Amino acid sequence: MTEIIEVSLTAEQVADRDAWSAGTYQREYDAVTVARQFAYQQTADPIFMQYQRGEATEKEWLAAVEAVKDANPYPVRAS
């Protein structure tokens, strides 16, 4: 069995941990933004170009946009 040893953090380590925790939401939000940008480029943007040329409908394009949003939801900020 592994023994767990508790170690006290210094004030600097506590401050670093708190700063890291405070930025968690923003990091998650930024990651979703990047994932959405990539997904739009791969799926929705080509359909948009087809829509512009009359080869796809607006409904198809908007469905692709919604699919990207559904697959990559933004995090909910803890209150």
N, C-alpha and C. Protein backbone atom coordinates (compact mmCIF):
# COMPACT_ATOMS: atom_id res chain seq x y z
N MET A 1 0.84 -1.17 0.00
CA MET A 1 0.00 0.00 0.00
C MET A 1 0.89 1.24 0.00
N THR A 2 0.50 2.22 -0.79
CA THR A 2 1.26 3.46 -0.89
C THR A 2 0.86 4.41 0.22
N GLU A 3 1.85 4.94 0.88
CA GLU A 3 1.60 5.89 1.95
C GLU A 3 1.48 7.29 1.36
N ILE A 4 0.48 8.02 1.76
CA ILE A 4 0.28 9.38 1.29
C ILE A 4 0.87 10.33 2.32
N ILE A 5 1.76 11.17 1.85
CA ILE A 5 2.40 12.15 2.73
C ILE A 5 1.88 13.52 2.36
N GLU A 6 1.33 14.21 3.33
CA GLU A 6 0.82 15.55 3.08
C GLU A 6 1.96 16.54 3.29
N VAL A 7 2.07 17.47 2.33
CA VAL A 7 3.11 18.48 2.38
C VAL A 7 2.44 19.85 2.39
N SER A 8 2.88 20.70 3.26
CA SER A 8 2.33 22.06 3.31
C SER A 8 2.90 22.87 2.16
N LEU A 9 2.04 23.69 1.54
CA LEU A 9 2.47 24.54 0.45
C LEU A 9 2.96 25.87 1.00
N THR A 10 3.92 26.43 0.30
CA THR A 10 4.38 27.77 0.66
C THR A 10 3.33 28.77 0.18
N ALA A 11 3.43 29.99 0.68
CA ALA A 11 2.50 31.04 0.25
C ALA A 11 2.59 31.25 -1.26
N GLU A 12 3.78 31.17 -1.82
CA GLU A 12 3.96 31.35 -3.26
C GLU A 12 3.28 30.21 -4.03
N GLN A 13 3.42 28.99 -3.54
CA GLN A 13 2.79 27.85 -4.19
C GLN A 13 1.27 27.94 -4.13
N VAL A 14 0.75 28.40 -3.01
CA VAL A 14 -0.70 28.59 -2.87
C VAL A 14 -1.18 29.65 -3.85
N ALA A 15 -0.43 30.74 -3.97
CA ALA A 15 -0.80 31.81 -4.90
C ALA A 15 -0.77 31.29 -6.34
N ASP A 16 0.24 30.50 -6.69
CA ASP A 16 0.34 29.92 -8.03
C ASP A 16 -0.84 29.00 -8.31
N ARG A 17 -1.19 28.17 -7.32
CA ARG A 17 -2.31 27.24 -7.49
C ARG A 17 -3.62 28.01 -7.69
N ASP A 18 -3.82 29.04 -6.89
CA ASP A 18 -5.04 29.84 -7.01
C ASP A 18 -5.12 30.56 -8.35
N ALA A 19 -3.99 31.08 -8.81
CA ALA A 19 -3.96 31.77 -10.12
C ALA A 19 -4.27 30.77 -11.23
N TRP A 20 -3.72 29.58 -11.13
CA TRP A 20 -3.98 28.55 -12.14
C TRP A 20 -5.46 28.19 -12.14
N SER A 21 -6.04 28.00 -10.97
CA SER A 21 -7.46 27.66 -10.87
C SER A 21 -8.35 28.77 -11.42
N ALA A 22 -7.98 30.00 -11.17
CA ALA A 22 -8.78 31.13 -11.65
C ALA A 22 -8.81 31.18 -13.18
N GLY A 23 -7.79 30.70 -13.84
CA GLY A 23 -7.72 30.73 -15.30
C GLY A 23 -8.28 29.49 -15.97
N THR A 24 -8.78 28.53 -15.22
CA THR A 24 -9.26 27.28 -15.79
C THR A 24 -10.39 27.51 -16.79
N TYR A 25 -11.37 28.32 -16.42
CA TYR A 25 -12.50 28.57 -17.32
C TYR A 25 -12.01 29.17 -18.64
N GLN A 26 -11.13 30.16 -18.56
CA GLN A 26 -10.65 30.81 -19.79
C GLN A 26 -9.87 29.85 -20.67
N ARG A 27 -9.07 28.97 -20.06
CA ARG A 27 -8.32 27.98 -20.86
C ARG A 27 -9.28 27.03 -21.56
N GLU A 28 -10.32 26.58 -20.84
CA GLU A 28 -11.30 25.68 -21.45
C GLU A 28 -12.06 26.39 -22.57
N TYR A 29 -12.44 27.64 -22.35
CA TYR A 29 -13.14 28.44 -23.35
C TYR A 29 -12.27 28.60 -24.60
N ASP A 30 -11.00 28.93 -24.39
CA ASP A 30 -10.08 29.10 -25.52
C ASP A 30 -9.90 27.81 -26.31
N ALA A 31 -9.84 26.68 -25.59
CA ALA A 31 -9.68 25.38 -26.27
C ALA A 31 -10.90 25.08 -27.14
N VAL A 32 -12.09 25.39 -26.65
CA VAL A 32 -13.31 25.17 -27.44
C VAL A 32 -13.32 26.09 -28.65
N THR A 33 -12.89 27.33 -28.48
CA THR A 33 -12.83 28.27 -29.60
C THR A 33 -11.94 27.74 -30.71
N VAL A 34 -10.78 27.24 -30.34
CA VAL A 34 -9.85 26.68 -31.34
C VAL A 34 -10.46 25.45 -32.01
N ALA A 35 -11.09 24.59 -31.21
CA ALA A 35 -11.71 23.38 -31.78
C ALA A 35 -12.84 23.75 -32.74
N ARG A 36 -13.63 24.77 -32.39
CA ARG A 36 -14.70 25.20 -33.28
C ARG A 36 -14.13 25.78 -34.57
N GLN A 37 -13.10 26.59 -34.47
CA GLN A 37 -12.51 27.17 -35.68
C GLN A 37 -12.06 26.07 -36.64
N PHE A 38 -11.39 25.06 -36.10
CA PHE A 38 -10.94 23.95 -36.94
C PHE A 38 -12.12 23.21 -37.55
N ALA A 39 -13.14 22.93 -36.73
CA ALA A 39 -14.31 22.20 -37.21
C ALA A 39 -15.06 22.99 -38.27
N TYR A 40 -15.19 24.30 -38.07
CA TYR A 40 -15.85 25.13 -39.09
C TYR A 40 -15.09 25.03 -40.41
N GLN A 41 -13.77 25.12 -40.36
CA GLN A 41 -12.96 25.05 -41.57
C GLN A 41 -13.12 23.71 -42.28
N GLN A 42 -13.26 22.65 -41.51
CA GLN A 42 -13.34 21.32 -42.10
C GLN A 42 -14.74 20.96 -42.59
N THR A 43 -15.78 21.49 -41.95
CA THR A 43 -17.13 21.04 -42.29
C THR A 43 -18.04 22.15 -42.79
N ALA A 44 -18.23 23.18 -42.00
CA ALA A 44 -19.22 24.20 -42.35
C ALA A 44 -18.75 25.13 -43.47
N ASP A 45 -17.48 25.50 -43.48
CA ASP A 45 -17.00 26.43 -44.51
C ASP A 45 -17.15 25.88 -45.92
N PRO A 46 -16.80 24.61 -46.17
CA PRO A 46 -17.03 24.08 -47.53
C PRO A 46 -18.50 24.10 -47.93
N ILE A 47 -19.38 23.81 -46.98
CA ILE A 47 -20.81 23.84 -47.30
C ILE A 47 -21.26 25.28 -47.56
N PHE A 48 -20.67 26.23 -46.82
CA PHE A 48 -21.00 27.64 -47.07
C PHE A 48 -20.60 28.03 -48.49
N MET A 49 -19.44 27.60 -48.94
CA MET A 49 -19.01 27.92 -50.31
C MET A 49 -19.94 27.27 -51.32
N GLN A 50 -20.38 26.04 -51.04
CA GLN A 50 -21.35 25.39 -51.92
C GLN A 50 -22.66 26.17 -51.93
N TYR A 51 -23.06 26.66 -50.79
CA TYR A 51 -24.28 27.47 -50.69
C TYR A 51 -24.14 28.74 -51.52
N GLN A 52 -22.98 29.37 -51.46
CA GLN A 52 -22.75 30.58 -52.23
C GLN A 52 -22.83 30.32 -53.74
N ARG A 53 -22.41 29.11 -54.15
CA ARG A 53 -22.45 28.75 -55.57
C ARG A 53 -23.79 28.14 -55.98
N GLY A 54 -24.73 28.01 -55.03
CA GLY A 54 -26.03 27.43 -55.34
C GLY A 54 -26.02 25.91 -55.36
N GLU A 55 -24.98 25.29 -54.81
CA GLU A 55 -24.86 23.83 -54.80
C GLU A 55 -25.35 23.20 -53.50
N ALA A 56 -25.65 24.01 -52.52
CA ALA A 56 -26.19 23.54 -51.23
C ALA A 56 -27.19 24.58 -50.75
N THR A 57 -28.02 24.16 -49.82
CA THR A 57 -29.02 25.10 -49.31
C THR A 57 -28.51 25.80 -48.06
N GLU A 58 -29.15 26.91 -47.75
CA GLU A 58 -28.81 27.63 -46.51
C GLU A 58 -29.07 26.73 -45.30
N LYS A 59 -30.12 25.95 -45.39
CA LYS A 59 -30.46 25.04 -44.30
C LYS A 59 -29.35 24.03 -44.04
N GLU A 60 -28.75 23.50 -45.11
CA GLU A 60 -27.63 22.55 -44.96
C GLU A 60 -26.44 23.22 -44.29
N TRP A 61 -26.14 24.44 -44.73
CA TRP A 61 -25.01 25.17 -44.16
C TRP A 61 -25.25 25.45 -42.68
N LEU A 62 -26.44 25.96 -42.33
CA LEU A 62 -26.73 26.28 -40.94
C LEU A 62 -26.77 25.02 -40.07
N ALA A 63 -27.18 23.90 -40.64
CA ALA A 63 -27.16 22.63 -39.90
C ALA A 63 -25.72 22.23 -39.60
N ALA A 64 -24.81 22.46 -40.54
CA ALA A 64 -23.40 22.15 -40.30
C ALA A 64 -22.83 23.04 -39.20
N VAL A 65 -23.21 24.31 -39.20
CA VAL A 65 -22.76 25.24 -38.16
C VAL A 65 -23.27 24.76 -36.79
N GLU A 66 -24.53 24.40 -36.71
CA GLU A 66 -25.11 23.92 -35.45
C GLU A 66 -24.45 22.62 -34.99
N ALA A 67 -24.11 21.76 -35.94
CA ALA A 67 -23.44 20.50 -35.58
C ALA A 67 -22.09 20.78 -34.93
N VAL A 68 -21.37 21.77 -35.45
CA VAL A 68 -20.08 22.14 -34.86
C VAL A 68 -20.30 22.67 -33.44
N LYS A 69 -21.29 23.53 -33.27
CA LYS A 69 -21.57 24.08 -31.94
C LYS A 69 -21.99 22.99 -30.96
N ASP A 70 -22.81 22.05 -31.43
CA ASP A 70 -23.26 20.96 -30.56
C ASP A 70 -22.11 20.04 -30.16
N ALA A 71 -21.17 19.83 -31.08
CA ALA A 71 -20.04 18.95 -30.80
C ALA A 71 -18.98 19.63 -29.93
N ASN A 72 -19.00 20.96 -29.88
CA ASN A 72 -17.99 21.71 -29.13
C ASN A 72 -18.66 22.77 -28.26
N PRO A 73 -19.35 22.35 -27.21
CA PRO A 73 -20.04 23.33 -26.37
C PRO A 73 -19.06 24.13 -25.52
N TYR A 74 -19.38 25.39 -25.32
CA TYR A 74 -18.55 26.22 -24.43
C TYR A 74 -18.79 25.78 -22.99
N PRO A 75 -17.76 25.88 -22.15
CA PRO A 75 -17.93 25.49 -20.74
C PRO A 75 -18.87 26.46 -20.03
N VAL A 76 -19.46 25.97 -18.98
CA VAL A 76 -20.35 26.79 -18.15
C VAL A 76 -19.51 27.35 -17.01
N ARG A 77 -19.55 28.65 -16.85
CA ARG A 77 -18.77 29.29 -15.79
C ARG A 77 -19.41 28.96 -14.44
N ALA A 78 -18.58 28.49 -13.53
CA ALA A 78 -19.06 28.20 -12.17
C ALA A 78 -19.40 29.51 -11.48
N SER A 79 -20.51 29.51 -10.76
CA SER A 79 -20.89 30.76 -10.10
C SER A 79 -20.42 30.81 -8.68
